[in-house]
Amino acid sequence: MQISLKELQKVAQAYREQQAAVTPLEPVPAPFVAPRAEDERLAREIARMLTQTPDIREERVQEASQHLHQTTSAQAIAAAIMRRAIADKLTR
């Protein structure tokens, strides 16, 4: 079966019109935009938290990996720890 470019454009236009006509089931709130001062305060707080985070030793990470029977790299574990710490700080 072949379809012409004109037919394809008609289908795309009909699809766009259908999508535009669909209303969301719930009202969608406007995105929150933090003030610049709040962003700077949060950045300083995260930087302070990162400087207070203890240094991660490669030997300790490897030992933990072996105990868990995983082959996860030390960098991946350290990155996961830092992401969790930042996420915990942001949700408080």
PDB file of N, CA and C in Angstrom:
ATOM      1  N   MET A   1       0.849  -1.171   0.000  1.00  0.00           N
ATOM      2  CA  MET A   1       0.000   0.000   0.000  1.00  0.00           C
ATOM      3  C   MET A   1       0.892   1.230   0.000  1.00  0.00           C
ATOM      4  N   GLN A   2       0.539   2.184  -0.802  1.00  0.00           N
ATOM      5  CA  GLN A   2       1.272   3.446  -0.847  1.00  0.00           C
ATOM      6  C   GLN A   2       0.353   4.558  -0.399  1.00  0.00           C
ATOM      7  N   ILE A   3       0.947   5.533   0.251  1.00  0.00           N
ATOM      8  CA  ILE A   3       0.194   6.689   0.703  1.00  0.00           C
ATOM      9  C   ILE A   3       0.925   7.932   0.206  1.00  0.00           C
ATOM     10  N   SER A   4       0.161   8.861  -0.288  1.00  0.00           N
ATOM     11  CA  SER A   4       0.791  10.061  -0.833  1.00  0.00           C
ATOM     12  C   SER A   4       1.130  11.030   0.291  1.00  0.00           C
ATOM     13  N   LEU A   5       1.999  11.969  -0.027  1.00  0.00           N
ATOM     14  CA  LEU A   5       2.386  12.987   0.953  1.00  0.00           C
ATOM     15  C   LEU A   5       1.184  13.806   1.366  1.00  0.00           C
ATOM     16  N   LYS A   6       0.303  14.089   0.412  1.00  0.00           N
ATOM     17  CA  LYS A   6      -0.902  14.881   0.714  1.00  0.00           C
ATOM     18  C   LYS A   6      -1.802  14.138   1.701  1.00  0.00           C
ATOM     19  N   GLU A   7      -1.969  12.825   1.509  1.00  0.00           N
ATOM     20  CA  GLU A   7      -2.782  12.031   2.424  1.00  0.00           C
ATOM     21  C   GLU A   7      -2.157  11.983   3.814  1.00  0.00           C
ATOM     22  N   LEU A   8      -0.843  11.855   3.856  1.00  0.00           N
ATOM     23  CA  LEU A   8      -0.137  11.841   5.129  1.00  0.00           C
ATOM     24  C   LEU A   8      -0.304  13.172   5.862  1.00  0.00           C
ATOM     25  N   GLN A   9      -0.243  14.269   5.132  1.00  0.00           N
ATOM     26  CA  GLN A   9      -0.432  15.587   5.743  1.00  0.00           C
ATOM     27  C   GLN A   9      -1.844  15.735   6.286  1.00  0.00           C
ATOM     28  N   LYS A  10      -2.838  15.188   5.588  1.00  0.00           N
ATOM     29  CA  LYS A  10      -4.218  15.237   6.076  1.00  0.00           C
ATOM     30  C   LYS A  10      -4.357  14.459   7.383  1.00  0.00           C
ATOM     31  N   VAL A  11      -3.743  13.288   7.423  1.00  0.00           N
ATOM     32  CA  VAL A  11      -3.802  12.474   8.646  1.00  0.00           C
ATOM     33  C   VAL A  11      -3.130  13.211   9.791  1.00  0.00           C
ATOM     34  N   ALA A  12      -1.944  13.795   9.553  1.00  0.00           N
ATOM     35  CA  ALA A  12      -1.230  14.526  10.597  1.00  0.00           C
ATOM     36  C   ALA A  12      -2.042  15.714  11.085  1.00  0.00           C
ATOM     37  N   GLN A  13      -2.688  16.433  10.163  1.00  0.00           N
ATOM     38  CA  GLN A  13      -3.507  17.585  10.546  1.00  0.00           C
ATOM     39  C   GLN A  13      -4.697  17.129  11.386  1.00  0.00           C
ATOM     40  N   ALA A  14      -5.348  16.050  10.982  1.00  0.00           N
ATOM     41  CA  ALA A  14      -6.491  15.539  11.742  1.00  0.00           C
ATOM     42  C   ALA A  14      -6.059  15.104  13.138  1.00  0.00           C
ATOM     43  N   TYR A  15      -4.877  14.481  13.219  1.00  0.00           N
ATOM     44  CA  TYR A  15      -4.371  14.054  14.524  1.00  0.00           C
ATOM     45  C   TYR A  15      -4.089  15.260  15.420  1.00  0.00           C
ATOM     46  N   ARG A  16      -3.457  16.291  14.870  1.00  0.00           N
ATOM     47  CA  ARG A  16      -3.174  17.502  15.661  1.00  0.00           C
ATOM     48  C   ARG A  16      -4.463  18.161  16.139  1.00  0.00           C
ATOM     49  N   GLU A  17      -5.479  18.208  15.284  1.00  0.00           N
ATOM     50  CA  GLU A  17      -6.762  18.800  15.683  1.00  0.00           C
ATOM     51  C   GLU A  17      -7.420  17.988  16.787  1.00  0.00           C
ATOM     52  N   GLN A  18      -7.305  16.667  16.688  1.00  0.00           N
ATOM     53  CA  GLN A  18      -7.877  15.801  17.721  1.00  0.00           C
ATOM     54  C   GLN A  18      -7.158  16.009  19.049  1.00  0.00           C
ATOM     55  N   GLN A  19      -5.827  16.103  19.023  1.00  0.00           N
ATOM     56  CA  GLN A  19      -5.050  16.302  20.249  1.00  0.00           C
ATOM     57  C   GLN A  19      -5.353  17.656  20.868  1.00  0.00           C
ATOM     58  N   ALA A  20      -5.555  18.672  20.036  1.00  0.00           N
ATOM     59  CA  ALA A  20      -5.849  20.017  20.551  1.00  0.00           C
ATOM     60  C   ALA A  20      -7.224  20.059  21.213  1.00  0.00           C
ATOM     61  N   ALA A  21      -8.147  19.209  20.746  1.00  0.00           N
ATOM     62  CA  ALA A  21      -9.502  19.208  21.277  1.00  0.00           C
ATOM     63  C   ALA A  21      -9.623  18.441  22.585  1.00  0.00           C
ATOM     64  N   VAL A  22      -8.648  17.609  22.915  1.00  0.00           N
ATOM     65  CA  VAL A  22      -8.705  16.807  24.134  1.00  0.00           C
ATOM     66  C   VAL A  22      -8.419  17.700  25.339  1.00  0.00           C
ATOM     67  N   THR A  23      -9.315  17.676  26.293  1.00  0.00           N
ATOM     68  CA  THR A  23      -9.099  18.445  27.511  1.00  0.00           C
ATOM     69  C   THR A  23      -8.549  17.517  28.583  1.00  0.00           C
ATOM     70  N   PRO A  24      -7.640  18.010  29.420  1.00  0.00           N
ATOM     71  CA  PRO A  24      -7.096  17.156  30.478  1.00  0.00           C
ATOM     72  C   PRO A  24      -8.178  16.780  31.484  1.00  0.00           C
ATOM     73  N   LEU A  25      -7.997  15.635  32.120  1.00  0.00           N
ATOM     74  CA  LEU A  25      -8.964  15.163  33.111  1.00  0.00           C
ATOM     75  C   LEU A  25      -8.956  16.024  34.360  1.00  0.00           C
ATOM     76  N   GLU A  26      -7.801  16.581  34.676  1.00  0.00           N
ATOM     77  CA  GLU A  26      -7.666  17.448  35.843  1.00  0.00           C
ATOM     78  C   GLU A  26      -7.015  18.746  35.409  1.00  0.00           C
ATOM     79  N   PRO A  27      -7.261  19.820  36.128  1.00  0.00           N
ATOM     80  CA  PRO A  27      -6.591  21.065  35.762  1.00  0.00           C
ATOM     81  C   PRO A  27      -5.077  20.929  35.959  1.00  0.00           C
ATOM     82  N   VAL A  28      -4.333  21.437  35.033  1.00  0.00           N
ATOM     83  CA  VAL A  28      -2.881  21.367  35.095  1.00  0.00           C
ATOM     84  C   VAL A  28      -2.368  22.670  35.709  1.00  0.00           C
ATOM     85  N   PRO A  29      -1.688  22.598  36.842  1.00  0.00           N
ATOM     86  CA  PRO A  29      -1.216  23.826  37.475  1.00  0.00           C
ATOM     87  C   PRO A  29      -0.071  24.447  36.683  1.00  0.00           C
ATOM     88  N   ALA A  30       0.059  25.744  36.829  1.00  0.00           N
ATOM     89  CA  ALA A  30       1.169  26.447  36.184  1.00  0.00           C
ATOM     90  C   ALA A  30       2.466  25.997  36.846  1.00  0.00           C
ATOM     91  N   PRO A  31       3.555  25.904  36.085  1.00  0.00           N
ATOM     92  CA  PRO A  31       4.820  25.465  36.682  1.00  0.00           C
ATOM     93  C   PRO A  31       5.313  26.463  37.722  1.00  0.00           C
ATOM     94  N   PHE A  32       5.938  25.937  38.762  1.00  0.00           N
ATOM     95  CA  PHE A  32       6.497  26.776  39.810  1.00  0.00           C
ATOM     96  C   PHE A  32       7.865  27.278  39.379  1.00  0.00           C
ATOM     97  N   VAL A  33       8.083  28.552  39.493  1.00  0.00           N
ATOM     98  CA  VAL A  33       9.382  29.137  39.175  1.00  0.00           C
ATOM     99  C   VAL A  33       9.903  29.799  40.446  1.00  0.00           C
ATOM    100  N   ALA A  34      10.997  29.254  40.967  1.00  0.00           N
ATOM    101  CA  ALA A  34      11.577  29.777  42.207  1.00  0.00           C
ATOM    102  C   ALA A  34      12.267  31.105  41.923  1.00  0.00           C
ATOM    103  N   PRO A  35      12.190  32.027  42.861  1.00  0.00           N
ATOM    104  CA  PRO A  35      12.913  33.288  42.690  1.00  0.00           C
ATOM    105  C   PRO A  35      14.422  33.041  42.634  1.00  0.00           C
ATOM    106  N   ARG A  36      15.144  33.909  41.962  1.00  0.00           N
ATOM    107  CA  ARG A  36      16.582  33.745  41.788  1.00  0.00           C
ATOM    108  C   ARG A  36      17.293  33.662  43.145  1.00  0.00           C
ATOM    109  N   ALA A  37      16.867  34.476  44.107  1.00  0.00           N
ATOM    110  CA  ALA A  37      17.493  34.450  45.428  1.00  0.00           C
ATOM    111  C   ALA A  37      17.331  33.067  46.069  1.00  0.00           C
ATOM    112  N   GLU A  38      16.160  32.460  45.873  1.00  0.00           N
ATOM    113  CA  GLU A  38      15.918  31.127  46.424  1.00  0.00           C
ATOM    114  C   GLU A  38      16.828  30.102  45.745  1.00  0.00           C
ATOM    115  N   ASP A  39      17.018  30.224  44.430  1.00  0.00           N
ATOM    116  CA  ASP A  39      17.931  29.328  43.711  1.00  0.00           C
ATOM    117  C   ASP A  39      19.351  29.465  44.244  1.00  0.00           C
ATOM    118  N   GLU A  40      19.786  30.695  44.463  1.00  0.00           N
ATOM    119  CA  GLU A  40      21.140  30.925  44.969  1.00  0.00           C
ATOM    120  C   GLU A  40      21.301  30.375  46.381  1.00  0.00           C
ATOM    121  N   ARG A  41      20.287  30.565  47.218  1.00  0.00           N
ATOM    122  CA  ARG A  41      20.339  30.034  48.584  1.00  0.00           C
ATOM    123  C   ARG A  41      20.417  28.516  48.558  1.00  0.00           C
ATOM    124  N   LEU A  42      19.615  27.890  47.704  1.00  0.00           N
ATOM    125  CA  LEU A  42      19.623  26.441  47.599  1.00  0.00           C
ATOM    126  C   LEU A  42      20.974  25.948  47.078  1.00  0.00           C
ATOM    127  N   ALA A  43      21.537  26.645  46.103  1.00  0.00           N
ATOM    128  CA  ALA A  43      22.847  26.245  45.564  1.00  0.00           C
ATOM    129  C   ALA A  43      23.924  26.340  46.650  1.00  0.00           C
ATOM    130  N   ARG A  44      23.895  27.409  47.459  1.00  0.00           N
ATOM    131  CA  ARG A  44      24.873  27.542  48.555  1.00  0.00           C
ATOM    132  C   ARG A  44      24.684  26.430  49.590  1.00  0.00           C
ATOM    133  N   GLU A  45      23.432  26.108  49.881  1.00  0.00           N
ATOM    134  CA  GLU A  45      23.149  25.067  50.868  1.00  0.00           C
ATOM    135  C   GLU A  45      23.626  23.695  50.370  1.00  0.00           C
ATOM    136  N   ILE A  46      23.402  23.406  49.093  1.00  0.00           N
ATOM    137  CA  ILE A  46      23.867  22.141  48.529  1.00  0.00           C
ATOM    138  C   ILE A  46      25.389  22.097  48.510  1.00  0.00           C
ATOM    139  N   ALA A  47      26.031  23.213  48.159  1.00  0.00           N
ATOM    140  CA  ALA A  47      27.496  23.255  48.148  1.00  0.00           C
ATOM    141  C   ALA A  47      28.040  23.017  49.554  1.00  0.00           C
ATOM    142  N   ARG A  48      27.405  23.618  50.560  1.00  0.00           N
ATOM    143  CA  ARG A  48      27.832  23.417  51.951  1.00  0.00           C
ATOM    144  C   ARG A  48      27.656  21.956  52.350  1.00  0.00           C
ATOM    145  N   MET A  49      26.534  21.356  51.971  1.00  0.00           N
ATOM    146  CA  MET A  49      26.269  19.965  52.297  1.00  0.00           C
ATOM    147  C   MET A  49      27.310  19.061  51.630  1.00  0.00           C
ATOM    148  N   LEU A  50      27.664  19.361  50.373  1.00  0.00           N
ATOM    149  CA  LEU A  50      28.646  18.543  49.678  1.00  0.00           C
ATOM    150  C   LEU A  50      30.021  18.641  50.317  1.00  0.00           C
ATOM    151  N   THR A  51      30.394  19.824  50.813  1.00  0.00           N
ATOM    152  CA  THR A  51      31.703  19.957  51.452  1.00  0.00           C
ATOM    153  C   THR A  51      31.720  19.246  52.798  1.00  0.00           C
ATOM    154  N   GLN A  52      30.558  19.088  53.428  1.00  0.00           N
ATOM    155  CA  GLN A  52      30.493  18.408  54.719  1.00  0.00           C
ATOM    156  C   GLN A  52      30.346  16.890  54.563  1.00  0.00           C
ATOM    157  N   THR A  53      30.072  16.424  53.344  1.00  0.00           N
ATOM    158  CA  THR A  53      29.925  14.998  53.100  1.00  0.00           C
ATOM    159  C   THR A  53      31.296  14.346  53.182  1.00  0.00           C
ATOM    160  N   PRO A  54      31.418  13.261  53.936  1.00  0.00           N
ATOM    161  CA  PRO A  54      32.734  12.632  54.071  1.00  0.00           C
ATOM    162  C   PRO A  54      33.242  12.096  52.734  1.00  0.00           C
ATOM    163  N   ASP A  55      34.562  12.042  52.631  1.00  0.00           N
ATOM    164  CA  ASP A  55      35.211  11.520  51.437  1.00  0.00           C
ATOM    165  C   ASP A  55      34.877  10.038  51.306  1.00  0.00           C
ATOM    166  N   ILE A  56      34.592   9.593  50.104  1.00  0.00           N
ATOM    167  CA  ILE A  56      34.240   8.191  49.877  1.00  0.00           C
ATOM    168  C   ILE A  56      35.503   7.443  49.473  1.00  0.00           C
ATOM    169  N   ARG A  57      35.853   6.428  50.240  1.00  0.00           N
ATOM    170  CA  ARG A  57      37.064   5.658  50.002  1.00  0.00           C
ATOM    171  C   ARG A  57      36.774   4.512  49.043  1.00  0.00           C
ATOM    172  N   GLU A  58      37.613   4.377  48.040  1.00  0.00           N
ATOM    173  CA  GLU A  58      37.454   3.332  47.019  1.00  0.00           C
ATOM    174  C   GLU A  58      37.428   1.946  47.651  1.00  0.00           C
ATOM    175  N   GLU A  59      38.299   1.697  48.639  1.00  0.00           N
ATOM    176  CA  GLU A  59      38.363   0.375  49.259  1.00  0.00           C
ATOM    177  C   GLU A  59      37.050   0.016  49.945  1.00  0.00           C
ATOM    178  N   ARG A  60      36.452   0.999  50.630  1.00  0.00           N
ATOM    179  CA  ARG A  60      35.198   0.753  51.348  1.00  0.00           C
ATOM    180  C   ARG A  60      34.052   0.477  50.370  1.00  0.00           C
ATOM    181  N   VAL A  61      34.043   1.197  49.261  1.00  0.00           N
ATOM    182  CA  VAL A  61      32.993   0.993  48.269  1.00  0.00           C
ATOM    183  C   VAL A  61      33.138  -0.380  47.633  1.00  0.00           C
ATOM    184  N   GLN A  62      34.370  -0.779  47.320  1.00  0.00           N
ATOM    185  CA  GLN A  62      34.600  -2.101  46.744  1.00  0.00           C
ATOM    186  C   GLN A  62      34.191  -3.195  47.727  1.00  0.00           C
ATOM    187  N   GLU A  63      34.526  -3.016  49.002  1.00  0.00           N
ATOM    188  CA  GLU A  63      34.157  -3.993  50.022  1.00  0.00           C
ATOM    189  C   GLU A  63      32.639  -4.121  50.108  1.00  0.00           C
ATOM    190  N   ALA A  64      31.939  -2.996  50.098  1.00  0.00           N
ATOM    191  CA  ALA A  64      30.471  -3.032  50.152  1.00  0.00           C
ATOM    192  C   ALA A  64      29.903  -3.704  48.911  1.00  0.00           C
ATOM    193  N   SER A  65      30.498  -3.431  47.765  1.00  0.00           N
ATOM    194  CA  SER A  65      30.031  -4.056  46.519  1.00  0.00           C
ATOM    195  C   SER A  65      30.183  -5.568  46.581  1.00  0.00           C
ATOM    196  N   GLN A  66      31.297  -6.042  47.114  1.00  0.00           N
ATOM    197  CA  GLN A  66      31.515  -7.476  47.206  1.00  0.00           C
ATOM    198  C   GLN A  66      30.521  -8.126  48.161  1.00  0.00           C
ATOM    199  N   HIS A  67      30.194  -7.445  49.236  1.00  0.00           N
ATOM    200  CA  HIS A  67      29.229  -7.984  50.187  1.00  0.00           C
ATOM    201  C   HIS A  67      27.837  -8.067  49.583  1.00  0.00           C
ATOM    202  N   LEU A  68      27.547  -7.186  48.665  1.00  0.00           N
ATOM    203  CA  LEU A  68      26.230  -7.187  48.038  1.00  0.00           C
ATOM    204  C   LEU A  68      26.177  -8.095  46.811  1.00  0.00           C
ATOM    205  N   HIS A  69      27.306  -8.708  46.454  1.00  0.00           N
ATOM    206  CA  HIS A  69      27.407  -9.581  45.286  1.00  0.00           C
ATOM    207  C   HIS A  69      27.012  -8.847  44.013  1.00  0.00           C
ATOM    208  N   GLN A  70      27.419  -7.594  43.936  1.00  0.00           N
ATOM    209  CA  GLN A  70      27.138  -6.804  42.752  1.00  0.00           C
ATOM    210  C   GLN A  70      28.449  -6.368  42.127  1.00  0.00           C
ATOM    211  N   THR A  71      28.385  -6.037  40.862  1.00  0.00           N
ATOM    212  CA  THR A  71      29.576  -5.551  40.172  1.00  0.00           C
ATOM    213  C   THR A  71      29.445  -4.063  39.858  1.00  0.00           C
ATOM    214  N   THR A  72      28.718  -3.351  40.680  1.00  0.00           N
ATOM    215  CA  THR A  72      28.518  -1.921  40.487  1.00  0.00           C
ATOM    216  C   THR A  72      29.830  -1.191  40.757  1.00  0.00           C
ATOM    217  N   SER A  73      30.145  -0.215  39.898  1.00  0.00           N
ATOM    218  CA  SER A  73      31.397   0.521  40.070  1.00  0.00           C
ATOM    219  C   SER A  73      31.308   1.475  41.252  1.00  0.00           C
ATOM    220  N   ALA A  74      32.453   1.832  41.779  1.00  0.00           N
ATOM    221  CA  ALA A  74      32.510   2.758  42.910  1.00  0.00           C
ATOM    222  C   ALA A  74      31.939   4.108  42.519  1.00  0.00           C
ATOM    223  N   GLN A  75      32.195   4.521  41.290  1.00  0.00           N
ATOM    224  CA  GLN A  75      31.674   5.809  40.835  1.00  0.00           C
ATOM    225  C   GLN A  75      30.145   5.804  40.804  1.00  0.00           C
ATOM    226  N   ALA A  76      29.550   4.701  40.373  1.00  0.00           N
ATOM    227  CA  ALA A  76      28.088   4.613  40.320  1.00  0.00           C
ATOM    228  C   ALA A  76      27.488   4.634  41.720  1.00  0.00           C
ATOM    229  N   ILE A  77      28.144   3.942  42.653  1.00  0.00           N
ATOM    230  CA  ILE A  77      27.651   3.932  44.032  1.00  0.00           C
ATOM    231  C   ILE A  77      27.768   5.316  44.644  1.00  0.00           C
ATOM    232  N   ALA A  78      28.909   5.972  44.444  1.00  0.00           N
ATOM    233  CA  ALA A  78      29.109   7.316  44.985  1.00  0.00           C
ATOM    234  C   ALA A  78      28.100   8.288  44.386  1.00  0.00           C
ATOM    235  N   ALA A  79      27.851   8.174  43.085  1.00  0.00           N
ATOM    236  CA  ALA A  79      26.878   9.056  42.433  1.00  0.00           C
ATOM    237  C   ALA A  79      25.480   8.825  42.999  1.00  0.00           C
ATOM    238  N   ALA A  80      25.123   7.565  43.247  1.00  0.00           N
ATOM    239  CA  ALA A  80      23.807   7.258  43.818  1.00  0.00           C
ATOM    240  C   ALA A  80      23.678   7.821  45.229  1.00  0.00           C
ATOM    241  N   ILE A  81      24.730   7.737  46.013  1.00  0.00           N
ATOM    242  CA  ILE A  81      24.712   8.286  47.373  1.00  0.00           C
ATOM    243  C   ILE A  81      24.509   9.794  47.326  1.00  0.00           C
ATOM    244  N   MET A  82      25.226  10.467  46.434  1.00  0.00           N
ATOM    245  CA  MET A  82      25.113  11.925  46.330  1.00  0.00           C
ATOM    246  C   MET A  82      23.727  12.328  45.823  1.00  0.00           C
ATOM    247  N   ARG A  83      23.189  11.605  44.846  1.00  0.00           N
ATOM    248  CA  ARG A  83      21.841  11.922  44.355  1.00  0.00           C
ATOM    249  C   ARG A  83      20.819  11.772  45.468  1.00  0.00           C
ATOM    250  N   ARG A  84      20.954  10.721  46.268  1.00  0.00           N
ATOM    251  CA  ARG A  84      20.011  10.504  47.360  1.00  0.00           C
ATOM    252  C   ARG A  84      20.116  11.620  48.398  1.00  0.00           C
ATOM    253  N   ALA A  85      21.359  12.033  48.722  1.00  0.00           N
ATOM    254  CA  ALA A  85      21.557  13.097  49.706  1.00  0.00           C
ATOM    255  C   ALA A  85      20.961  14.404  49.210  1.00  0.00           C
ATOM    256  N   ILE A  86      21.160  14.714  47.940  1.00  0.00           N
ATOM    257  CA  ILE A  86      20.607  15.950  47.378  1.00  0.00           C
ATOM    258  C   ILE A  86      19.084  15.869  47.325  1.00  0.00           C
ATOM    259  N   ALA A  87      18.546  14.733  46.913  1.00  0.00           N
ATOM    260  CA  ALA A  87      17.089  14.576  46.855  1.00  0.00           C
ATOM    261  C   ALA A  87      16.474  14.698  48.240  1.00  0.00           C
ATOM    262  N   ASP A  88      17.114  14.103  49.245  1.00  0.00           N
ATOM    263  CA  ASP A  88      16.602  14.221  50.617  1.00  0.00           C
ATOM    264  C   ASP A  88      16.612  15.676  51.060  1.00  0.00           C
ATOM    265  N   LYS A  89      17.653  16.407  50.724  1.00  0.00           N
ATOM    266  CA  LYS A  89      17.750  17.805  51.132  1.00  0.00           C
ATOM    267  C   LYS A  89      16.690  18.655  50.430  1.00  0.00           C
ATOM    268  N   LEU A  90      16.423  18.368  49.155  1.00  0.00           N
ATOM    269  CA  LEU A  90      15.448  19.143  48.395  1.00  0.00           C
ATOM    270  C   LEU A  90      14.019  18.879  48.853  1.00  0.00           C
ATOM    271  N   THR A  91      13.746  17.692  49.378  1.00  0.00           N
ATOM    272  CA  THR A  91      12.377  17.361  49.773  1.00  0.00           C
ATOM    273  C   THR A  91      12.051  17.768  51.201  1.00  0.00           C
ATOM    274  N   ARG A  92      13.007  18.308  51.911  1.00  0.00           N
ATOM    275  CA  ARG A  92      12.733  18.733  53.303  1.00  0.00           C
ATOM    276  C   ARG A  92      12.057  20.066  53.324  1.00  0.00           C
TER     277      ARG A  92
END
